[in-house]
Amino acid sequence: YNATDGSGNKADTKTFNYVVDDFVGPVITLNTLDTVIHPVNTAYYPVQASAADNFYSNTEVSLTRTSNVNAFVLGLYSDDFTAIDGSGNVTTRKRWVRVVDNERPIINGSTMNVGIFSTVDASSGLTMTDNYDAPTVLRPRLEVLFNNLNTYEEGMYTVTFRVSDLSGNMSLPYERTIWVSRLFP
C-alpha cells in the first residue's frame, strides 16, 4: 500500500502478504445410519463411507477405516473413518455397530413312553439350541407352560415347554406327548 497527500508527502510503503489456503476439513458421509444393528454369528461386511471436500477432488482426499467389530461376540463396536484433504485438514467420523442376538432358541424332542406309577422328568431328552447361547445356558431357563401329566392313570398327556436365551428371545412353545401305560417298564 502506498499513499500521497495533497502536499506531495509520501507515506512509507506497506506490504501485506495474504496466504490463501484451505482450512475446512472434508465431510464424511457414512452411507448408513450412525448406528448399525448386526446379527451375531454372521459375517460383517461394512458399507464404505465416502468423503467430499470443499476444494480438493475425491482423488486428493484420503479416507481410511479402522474397526474393532467382532461379529461373533455380542456388544457395541465401531468403524472409525478418517479423511485427510490435500491441505492436511483432518475429519473423523464414527459408525457404531451393535452386534445383537435376535434369533429365538429352538426346543426339540420326541414322544415319551413311561410306565404307570413312574417318576418322570418330562424335560428329559429335550434338546435346546440357539444361535449364540449354549444348551447348558438354556437348560436352567426352560419353563413349563402347561402340564396335565398324571402317571397314576393310563393315557396320553402333554407338557408344553418354552425357553428363553440370555438376550430375551423366546422359543415357540414345544408340546411333548407322554404316553402312560402298564406296558412300559
Protein backbone atom coordinates (compact mmCIF):
# COMPACT_ATOMS: atom_id res chain seq x y z
CA TYR A 1 0.00 0.00 0.00
CA ASN A 2 1.21 3.50 -0.72
CA ALA A 3 -0.34 6.93 -0.24
CA THR A 4 0.48 10.53 -1.13
CA ASP A 5 -1.24 13.51 0.47
CA GLY A 6 -2.26 16.78 -1.24
CA SER A 7 1.14 18.42 -0.44
CA GLY A 8 3.02 15.59 -2.16
CA ASN A 9 4.16 13.87 1.03
CA LYS A 10 4.56 10.13 0.52
CA ALA A 11 3.77 7.56 3.19
CA ASP A 12 6.02 4.63 3.90
CA THR A 13 5.05 1.74 1.65
CA LYS A 14 3.40 -1.14 3.49
CA THR A 15 3.26 -4.62 2.01
CA PHE A 16 0.81 -7.24 3.24
CA ASN A 17 1.10 -10.83 2.09
CA TYR A 18 -2.05 -12.90 2.05
CA VAL A 19 -1.98 -16.66 2.12
CA VAL A 20 -4.98 -18.25 0.52
CA ASP A 21 -5.37 -21.75 1.93
CA ASP A 22 -7.97 -24.35 2.78
CA PHE A 23 -8.79 -24.69 6.46
CA VAL A 24 -12.03 -26.67 6.02
CA GLY A 25 -11.86 -30.42 6.59
CA PRO A 26 -13.54 -32.96 4.33
CA VAL A 27 -17.10 -34.11 5.02
CA ILE A 28 -17.53 -37.84 5.71
CA THR A 29 -20.83 -39.49 4.74
CA LEU A 30 -21.36 -42.88 6.39
CA ASN A 31 -23.84 -44.15 3.77
CA THR A 32 -25.63 -45.91 6.65
CA LEU A 33 -27.30 -44.88 9.87
CA ASP A 34 -25.00 -43.69 12.65
CA THR A 35 -25.72 -46.98 14.47
CA VAL A 36 -25.97 -50.26 12.58
CA ILE A 37 -27.64 -53.33 14.12
CA HIS A 38 -25.83 -56.53 13.09
CA PRO A 39 -26.91 -60.13 13.89
CA VAL A 40 -24.37 -62.15 15.86
CA ASN A 41 -22.52 -65.05 14.21
CA THR A 42 -22.88 -63.64 10.69
CA ALA A 43 -20.01 -62.13 8.72
CA TYR A 44 -19.76 -58.36 8.94
CA TYR A 45 -19.22 -56.53 5.66
CA PRO A 46 -19.08 -52.79 6.39
CA VAL A 47 -20.57 -50.29 3.98
CA GLN A 48 -17.78 -47.99 2.82
CA ALA A 49 -18.16 -44.34 3.80
CA SER A 50 -17.44 -41.55 1.34
CA ALA A 51 -15.70 -38.21 1.70
CA ALA A 52 -16.08 -34.91 -0.12
CA ASP A 53 -14.07 -31.73 0.23
CA ASN A 54 -14.78 -28.04 -0.41
CA PHE A 55 -11.63 -27.62 -2.52
CA TYR A 56 -9.94 -30.93 -3.36
CA SER A 57 -11.30 -33.61 -5.67
CA ASN A 58 -12.13 -37.07 -4.32
CA THR A 59 -8.83 -38.39 -5.66
CA GLU A 60 -6.99 -35.87 -3.45
CA VAL A 61 -8.80 -36.87 -0.25
CA SER A 62 -7.66 -40.00 1.58
CA LEU A 63 -10.27 -41.97 3.51
CA THR A 64 -9.30 -44.78 5.88
CA ARG A 65 -11.32 -47.07 8.14
CA THR A 66 -10.31 -48.81 11.34
CA SER A 67 -12.67 -51.17 13.09
CA ASN A 68 -12.94 -53.27 16.23
CA VAL A 69 -16.14 -55.12 15.19
CA ASN A 70 -16.31 -58.74 16.34
CA ALA A 71 -19.43 -60.15 14.68
CA PHE A 72 -19.22 -63.30 16.82
CA VAL A 73 -19.49 -61.64 20.25
CA LEU A 74 -22.44 -59.53 21.46
CA GLY A 75 -21.50 -55.93 22.11
CA LEU A 76 -21.13 -52.37 20.88
CA TYR A 77 -18.30 -51.74 18.41
CA SER A 78 -17.30 -49.04 15.95
CA ASP A 79 -15.97 -48.36 12.48
CA ASP A 80 -13.81 -45.24 12.68
CA PHE A 81 -13.29 -43.22 9.48
CA THR A 82 -10.59 -40.60 8.95
CA ALA A 83 -10.48 -38.28 5.93
CA ILE A 84 -7.50 -36.04 5.11
CA ASP A 85 -7.52 -33.48 2.30
CA GLY A 86 -4.56 -32.06 0.33
CA SER A 87 -4.10 -29.24 2.85
CA GLY A 88 -3.81 -31.71 5.74
CA ASN A 89 -7.24 -30.96 7.22
CA VAL A 90 -8.47 -34.00 9.13
CA THR A 91 -12.05 -35.11 9.80
CA THR A 92 -13.09 -38.20 11.76
CA ARG A 93 -16.46 -39.89 11.97
CA LYS A 94 -17.66 -42.96 13.85
CA ARG A 95 -20.24 -45.58 12.87
CA TRP A 96 -21.49 -47.58 15.83
CA VAL A 97 -22.10 -51.29 15.23
CA ARG A 98 -24.27 -53.11 17.75
CA VAL A 99 -23.91 -56.90 17.47
CA VAL A 100 -27.13 -58.46 18.75
CA ASP A 101 -28.80 -61.84 19.18
CA ASN A 102 -32.31 -61.60 17.78
CA GLU A 103 -32.99 -65.26 16.97
CA ARG A 104 -35.20 -67.41 19.14
CA PRO A 105 -33.93 -70.67 20.62
CA ILE A 106 -35.45 -73.96 19.46
CA ILE A 107 -36.70 -76.91 21.53
CA ASN A 108 -36.80 -80.41 20.04
CA GLY A 109 -37.66 -83.82 21.46
CA SER A 110 -39.73 -86.90 20.91
CA THR A 111 -42.74 -88.60 22.43
CA MET A 112 -42.10 -90.25 25.80
CA ASN A 113 -43.44 -93.65 26.84
CA VAL A 114 -43.49 -94.20 30.60
CA GLY A 115 -44.84 -96.83 32.93
CA ILE A 116 -47.77 -96.22 35.20
CA PHE A 117 -46.81 -95.01 38.70
CA SER A 118 -43.35 -93.96 37.43
CA THR A 119 -41.48 -90.80 38.34
CA VAL A 120 -40.91 -88.77 35.20
CA ASP A 121 -38.78 -85.80 34.24
CA ALA A 122 -40.83 -84.55 31.30
CA SER A 123 -37.88 -82.48 30.05
CA SER A 124 -35.55 -85.49 29.87
CA GLY A 125 -34.17 -85.91 26.37
CA LEU A 126 -35.22 -82.47 25.14
CA THR A 127 -32.61 -80.60 23.12
CA MET A 128 -32.38 -76.83 23.13
CA THR A 129 -30.37 -74.98 20.53
CA ASP A 130 -29.64 -71.31 19.98
CA ASN A 131 -27.56 -69.28 17.58
CA TYR A 132 -25.48 -67.86 20.46
CA ASP A 133 -26.15 -69.39 23.89
CA ALA A 134 -25.02 -72.92 24.74
CA PRO A 135 -27.52 -75.64 25.75
CA THR A 136 -26.07 -75.58 29.27
CA VAL A 137 -27.10 -71.91 29.50
CA LEU A 138 -30.58 -72.62 28.13
CA ARG A 139 -31.43 -75.66 30.29
CA PRO A 140 -31.98 -73.69 33.54
CA ARG A 141 -34.16 -71.21 31.63
CA LEU A 142 -36.61 -73.91 30.48
CA GLU A 143 -40.11 -73.33 31.79
CA VAL A 144 -43.32 -75.35 31.75
CA LEU A 145 -46.33 -73.56 30.27
CA PHE A 146 -48.82 -76.42 30.57
CA ASN A 147 -48.74 -79.84 32.24
CA ASN A 148 -51.56 -82.36 32.56
CA LEU A 149 -49.32 -85.39 33.16
CA ASN A 150 -50.80 -87.98 35.55
CA THR A 151 -48.67 -91.11 35.96
CA TYR A 152 -51.33 -92.73 38.15
CA GLU A 153 -53.69 -93.22 35.23
CA GLU A 154 -53.02 -94.70 31.80
CA GLY A 155 -53.47 -92.30 28.91
CA MET A 156 -51.91 -89.69 26.67
CA TYR A 157 -50.75 -86.45 28.29
CA THR A 158 -48.92 -83.33 27.20
CA VAL A 159 -46.40 -80.98 28.71
CA THR A 160 -45.71 -77.68 26.94
CA PHE A 161 -42.31 -76.02 27.34
CA ARG A 162 -40.72 -72.71 26.42
CA VAL A 163 -37.16 -71.46 26.83
CA SER A 164 -35.57 -68.02 26.60
CA ASP A 165 -31.98 -67.19 25.77
CA LEU A 166 -29.86 -64.64 27.61
CA SER A 167 -30.85 -61.95 25.10
CA GLY A 168 -34.53 -62.41 25.98
CA ASN A 169 -35.56 -64.23 22.80
CA MET A 170 -38.34 -66.77 23.49
CA SER A 171 -38.72 -70.09 21.75
CA LEU A 172 -42.00 -71.14 20.27
CA PRO A 173 -43.96 -73.36 22.67
CA TYR A 174 -42.96 -77.01 22.33
CA GLU A 175 -45.62 -79.58 23.20
CA ARG A 176 -44.35 -83.00 24.24
CA THR A 177 -46.67 -86.00 24.21
CA ILE A 178 -46.25 -88.52 27.05
CA TRP A 179 -47.89 -91.95 26.97
CA VAL A 180 -48.54 -93.56 30.36
CA SER A 181 -49.19 -97.30 30.17
CA ARG A 182 -48.82 -100.55 32.11
CA LEU A 183 -46.97 -101.93 29.06
CA PHE A 184 -43.94 -99.71 29.61
CA PRO A 185 -41.45 -100.50 32.35
